[in-house]
């Protein structure tokens, strides 16, 4: 259960391994050049947040809320977005590396993916309607049973 709410803060150049983020609801926060690789973010909430130049590779996203959250120039390899809270997922990706991640059976229609690397990403069973994969690398992406 989240007990803490953090609003309108900027986090810059920190590493979760050295200075772990508090399990909290982050609202209207900016994360710039933050290393969250392999971090356990179980139950965290990110609402109207921006991640710029961050590394979230291999982070645990169990029950995470990503509402109106934007990612730009982020490294996000091996993430299981399908473990996020399914009722609180709206996000966009710009120039991100999402290789080997999974969106399995998610409703991600109209999600912006711009100039992203999506190699070997699992989109099986997803609602992909209205998505524009402008300048994206979808080499080896799985789209079985996607709409």
C-alpha atoms as a PDB file:
ATOM      1  CA  UNK A   1       0.000   0.000   0.000  1.00  0.00           C
ATOM      2  CA  UNK A   2       1.372   3.397  -0.980  1.00  0.00           C
ATOM      3  CA  UNK A   3       1.605   5.861   1.850  1.00  0.00           C
ATOM      4  CA  UNK A   4       3.513   8.622   0.153  1.00  0.00           C
ATOM      5  CA  UNK A   5       2.665  11.055  -2.627  1.00  0.00           C
ATOM      6  CA  UNK A   6       5.362  13.039  -4.424  1.00  0.00           C
ATOM      7  CA  UNK A   7       4.334  15.872  -6.751  1.00  0.00           C
ATOM      8  CA  UNK A   8       6.092  18.269  -9.110  1.00  0.00           C
ATOM      9  CA  UNK A   9       9.601  16.990  -8.327  1.00  0.00           C
ATOM     10  CA  UNK A  10      12.554  16.538 -10.674  1.00  0.00           C
ATOM     11  CA  UNK A  11      14.940  13.637 -10.188  1.00  0.00           C
ATOM     12  CA  UNK A  12      18.206  13.978 -12.085  1.00  0.00           C
ATOM     13  CA  UNK A  13      21.182  11.677 -12.504  1.00  0.00           C
ATOM     14  CA  UNK A  14      20.383   9.347  -9.618  1.00  0.00           C
ATOM     15  CA  UNK A  15      20.798   5.589  -9.529  1.00  0.00           C
ATOM     16  CA  UNK A  16      18.170   3.432  -7.867  1.00  0.00           C
ATOM     17  CA  UNK A  17      20.953   1.048  -6.794  1.00  0.00           C
ATOM     18  CA  UNK A  18      22.635   3.839  -4.785  1.00  0.00           C
ATOM     19  CA  UNK A  19      19.604   5.917  -3.806  1.00  0.00           C
ATOM     20  CA  UNK A  20      16.402   3.867  -4.119  1.00  0.00           C
ATOM     21  CA  UNK A  21      13.224   5.737  -4.987  1.00  0.00           C
ATOM     22  CA  UNK A  22      10.556   5.631  -2.317  1.00  0.00           C
ATOM     23  CA  UNK A  23       7.588   3.430  -3.128  1.00  0.00           C
ATOM     24  CA  UNK A  24       5.085   6.199  -3.758  1.00  0.00           C
ATOM     25  CA  UNK A  25       2.655   7.838  -6.106  1.00  0.00           C
ATOM     26  CA  UNK A  26       4.651  10.213  -8.300  1.00  0.00           C
ATOM     27  CA  UNK A  27       2.538  12.882  -9.949  1.00  0.00           C
ATOM     28  CA  UNK A  28       3.748  15.401 -12.512  1.00  0.00           C
ATOM     29  CA  UNK A  29       7.382  14.443 -11.838  1.00  0.00           C
ATOM     30  CA  UNK A  30      10.333  14.450 -14.225  1.00  0.00           C
ATOM     31  CA  UNK A  31      13.007  11.759 -14.191  1.00  0.00           C
ATOM     32  CA  UNK A  32      16.094  12.785 -16.162  1.00  0.00           C
ATOM     33  CA  UNK A  33      19.083  10.465 -16.662  1.00  0.00           C
ATOM     34  CA  UNK A  34      17.885   8.238 -13.815  1.00  0.00           C
ATOM     35  CA  UNK A  35      19.134   4.638 -13.651  1.00  0.00           C
ATOM     36  CA  UNK A  36      16.284   2.352 -12.622  1.00  0.00           C
ATOM     37  CA  UNK A  37      17.748  -0.749 -14.263  1.00  0.00           C
ATOM     38  CA  UNK A  38      16.750  -3.933 -12.422  1.00  0.00           C
ATOM     39  CA  UNK A  39      14.793  -1.859  -9.868  1.00  0.00           C
ATOM     40  CA  UNK A  40      11.787  -3.441  -8.177  1.00  0.00           C
ATOM     41  CA  UNK A  41       9.052  -0.889  -8.880  1.00  0.00           C
ATOM     42  CA  UNK A  42       6.221  -3.163  -7.724  1.00  0.00           C
ATOM     43  CA  UNK A  43       3.152  -1.090  -6.882  1.00  0.00           C
ATOM     44  CA  UNK A  44       4.647   2.300  -7.801  1.00  0.00           C
ATOM     45  CA  UNK A  45       2.356   4.855  -9.448  1.00  0.00           C
ATOM     46  CA  UNK A  46       3.539   7.322 -12.072  1.00  0.00           C
ATOM     47  CA  UNK A  47       0.881   9.831 -13.114  1.00  0.00           C
ATOM     48  CA  UNK A  48       1.616  12.507 -15.731  1.00  0.00           C
ATOM     49  CA  UNK A  49       5.358  11.876 -15.401  1.00  0.00           C
ATOM     50  CA  UNK A  50       8.163  12.318 -17.921  1.00  0.00           C
ATOM     51  CA  UNK A  51      11.165  10.001 -18.181  1.00  0.00           C
ATOM     52  CA  UNK A  52      14.009  11.418 -20.291  1.00  0.00           C
ATOM     53  CA  UNK A  53      17.273   9.582 -20.954  1.00  0.00           C
ATOM     54  CA  UNK A  54      16.549   7.002 -18.255  1.00  0.00           C
ATOM     55  CA  UNK A  55      17.519   3.342 -18.040  1.00  0.00           C
ATOM     56  CA  UNK A  56      14.670   1.109 -16.867  1.00  0.00           C
ATOM     57  CA  UNK A  57      15.976  -2.124 -18.367  1.00  0.00           C
ATOM     58  CA  UNK A  58      14.931  -5.286 -16.535  1.00  0.00           C
ATOM     59  CA  UNK A  59      12.929  -3.349 -13.911  1.00  0.00           C
ATOM     60  CA  UNK A  60      10.040  -5.167 -12.226  1.00  0.00           C
ATOM     61  CA  UNK A  61       6.712  -3.565 -13.174  1.00  0.00           C
ATOM     62  CA  UNK A  62       4.271  -5.745 -11.213  1.00  0.00           C
ATOM     63  CA  UNK A  63       1.138  -3.670 -10.511  1.00  0.00           C
ATOM     64  CA  UNK A  64       2.789  -0.420 -11.632  1.00  0.00           C
ATOM     65  CA  UNK A  65       0.498   2.401 -12.789  1.00  0.00           C
ATOM     66  CA  UNK A  66       1.736   4.404 -15.780  1.00  0.00           C
ATOM     67  CA  UNK A  67      -0.979   6.965 -16.440  1.00  0.00           C
ATOM     68  CA  UNK A  68      -0.243   9.696 -19.004  1.00  0.00           C
ATOM     69  CA  UNK A  69       3.451   8.914 -18.658  1.00  0.00           C
ATOM     70  CA  UNK A  70       5.911   9.790 -21.422  1.00  0.00           C
ATOM     71  CA  UNK A  71       9.269   8.189 -22.177  1.00  0.00           C
ATOM     72  CA  UNK A  72      11.894   9.831 -24.406  1.00  0.00           C
ATOM     73  CA  UNK A  73      15.401   8.597 -25.220  1.00  0.00           C
ATOM     74  CA  UNK A  74      15.071   5.812 -22.636  1.00  0.00           C
ATOM     75  CA  UNK A  75      16.615   2.353 -22.542  1.00  0.00           C
ATOM     76  CA  UNK A  76      13.835  -0.044 -21.516  1.00  0.00           C
ATOM     77  CA  UNK A  77      14.946  -3.527 -22.492  1.00  0.00           C
ATOM     78  CA  UNK A  78      13.291  -6.671 -21.171  1.00  0.00           C
ATOM     79  CA  UNK A  79      10.303  -5.007 -19.501  1.00  0.00           C
ATOM     80  CA  UNK A  80       7.008  -6.817 -18.930  1.00  0.00           C
ATOM     81  CA  UNK A  81       4.495  -4.012 -19.416  1.00  0.00           C
ATOM     82  CA  UNK A  82       1.788  -6.688 -19.304  1.00  0.00           C
ATOM     83  CA  UNK A  83       2.417  -6.900 -15.535  1.00  0.00           C
ATOM     84  CA  UNK A  84       1.421  -3.253 -15.037  1.00  0.00           C
ATOM     85  CA  UNK A  85      -1.943  -2.299 -13.577  1.00  0.00           C
ATOM     86  CA  UNK A  86      -4.168  -2.866 -16.644  1.00  0.00           C
ATOM     87  CA  UNK A  87      -6.602  -0.130 -15.598  1.00  0.00           C
ATOM     88  CA  UNK A  88      -3.954   2.550 -15.343  1.00  0.00           C
ATOM     89  CA  UNK A  89      -1.768   2.323 -18.443  1.00  0.00           C
ATOM     90  CA  UNK A  90      -1.493   5.207 -20.891  1.00  0.00           C
ATOM     91  CA  UNK A  91       1.955   6.063 -22.130  1.00  0.00           C
ATOM     92  CA  UNK A  92       4.009   7.218 -25.105  1.00  0.00           C
ATOM     93  CA  UNK A  93       7.486   6.364 -26.356  1.00  0.00           C
ATOM     94  CA  UNK A  94       9.841   8.565 -28.375  1.00  0.00           C
ATOM     95  CA  UNK A  95      13.290   7.336 -29.476  1.00  0.00           C
ATOM     96  CA  UNK A  96      13.291   4.533 -26.880  1.00  0.00           C
ATOM     97  CA  UNK A  97      14.934   1.109 -26.942  1.00  0.00           C
ATOM     98  CA  UNK A  98      12.277  -1.418 -25.898  1.00  0.00           C
ATOM     99  CA  UNK A  99      13.925  -4.569 -27.264  1.00  0.00           C
ATOM    100  CA  UNK A 100      12.780  -7.902 -25.777  1.00  0.00           C
ATOM    101  CA  UNK A 101       9.900  -6.281 -23.864  1.00  0.00           C
ATOM    102  CA  UNK A 102       6.337  -7.585 -23.627  1.00  0.00           C
ATOM    103  CA  UNK A 103       2.956  -5.939 -24.097  1.00  0.00           C
ATOM    104  CA  UNK A 104       1.219  -9.344 -24.285  1.00  0.00           C
ATOM    105  CA  UNK A 105      -2.597  -9.059 -24.587  1.00  0.00           C
ATOM    106  CA  UNK A 106      -2.632  -5.372 -23.604  1.00  0.00           C
ATOM    107  CA  UNK A 107      -5.025  -2.767 -24.936  1.00  0.00           C
ATOM    108  CA  UNK A 108      -2.494  -0.240 -26.184  1.00  0.00           C
ATOM    109  CA  UNK A 109      -4.470   1.233 -29.064  1.00  0.00           C
ATOM    110  CA  UNK A 110      -3.338   4.679 -30.187  1.00  0.00           C
ATOM    111  CA  UNK A 111      -0.130   4.431 -28.107  1.00  0.00           C
ATOM    112  CA  UNK A 112       2.556   6.555 -29.789  1.00  0.00           C
ATOM    113  CA  UNK A 113       5.783   4.729 -30.651  1.00  0.00           C
ATOM    114  CA  UNK A 114       8.066   7.128 -32.535  1.00  0.00           C
ATOM    115  CA  UNK A 115      11.532   6.149 -33.779  1.00  0.00           C
ATOM    116  CA  UNK A 116      11.771   3.282 -31.273  1.00  0.00           C
ATOM    117  CA  UNK A 117      13.686   0.025 -31.370  1.00  0.00           C
ATOM    118  CA  UNK A 118      11.108  -2.727 -30.799  1.00  0.00           C
ATOM    119  CA  UNK A 119      13.203  -5.780 -31.692  1.00  0.00           C
ATOM    120  CA  UNK A 120      11.726  -9.066 -30.490  1.00  0.00           C
ATOM    121  CA  UNK A 121       8.917  -7.234 -28.625  1.00  0.00           C
ATOM    122  CA  UNK A 122       5.838  -9.349 -27.870  1.00  0.00           C
ATOM    123  CA  UNK A 123       2.655  -7.653 -29.102  1.00  0.00           C
ATOM    124  CA  UNK A 124       0.726 -10.960 -29.241  1.00  0.00           C
ATOM    125  CA  UNK A 125      -2.981 -10.535 -28.588  1.00  0.00           C
ATOM    126  CA  UNK A 126      -2.714  -6.738 -28.319  1.00  0.00           C
ATOM    127  CA  UNK A 127      -5.151  -4.172 -29.610  1.00  0.00           C
ATOM    128  CA  UNK A 128      -2.821  -2.255 -31.930  1.00  0.00           C
ATOM    129  CA  UNK A 129      -5.509  -0.170 -33.630  1.00  0.00           C
ATOM    130  CA  UNK A 130      -4.549   3.399 -34.307  1.00  0.00           C
ATOM    131  CA  UNK A 131      -0.864   2.836 -33.545  1.00  0.00           C
ATOM    132  CA  UNK A 132       1.643   4.461 -35.857  1.00  0.00           C
ATOM    133  CA  UNK A 133       5.068   2.843 -35.633  1.00  0.00           C
ATOM    134  CA  UNK A 134       6.824   5.766 -37.383  1.00  0.00           C
ATOM    135  CA  UNK A 135      10.500   4.988 -37.987  1.00  0.00           C
ATOM    136  CA  UNK A 136      10.440   2.003 -35.606  1.00  0.00           C
ATOM    137  CA  UNK A 137      12.520  -1.165 -35.906  1.00  0.00           C
ATOM    138  CA  UNK A 138      10.112  -4.098 -35.455  1.00  0.00           C
ATOM    139  CA  UNK A 139      12.595  -6.825 -36.398  1.00  0.00           C
ATOM    140  CA  UNK A 140      11.410 -10.110 -34.905  1.00  0.00           C
ATOM    141  CA  UNK A 141       8.419  -8.541 -33.139  1.00  0.00           C
ATOM    142  CA  UNK A 142       5.612 -10.976 -32.334  1.00  0.00           C
ATOM    143  CA  UNK A 143       2.147  -9.849 -33.451  1.00  0.00           C
ATOM    144  CA  UNK A 144       0.176 -13.123 -33.426  1.00  0.00           C
ATOM    145  CA  UNK A 145      -3.537 -12.623 -32.712  1.00  0.00           C
ATOM    146  CA  UNK A 146      -3.067  -8.843 -32.542  1.00  0.00           C
ATOM    147  CA  UNK A 147      -5.905  -6.632 -33.747  1.00  0.00           C
END
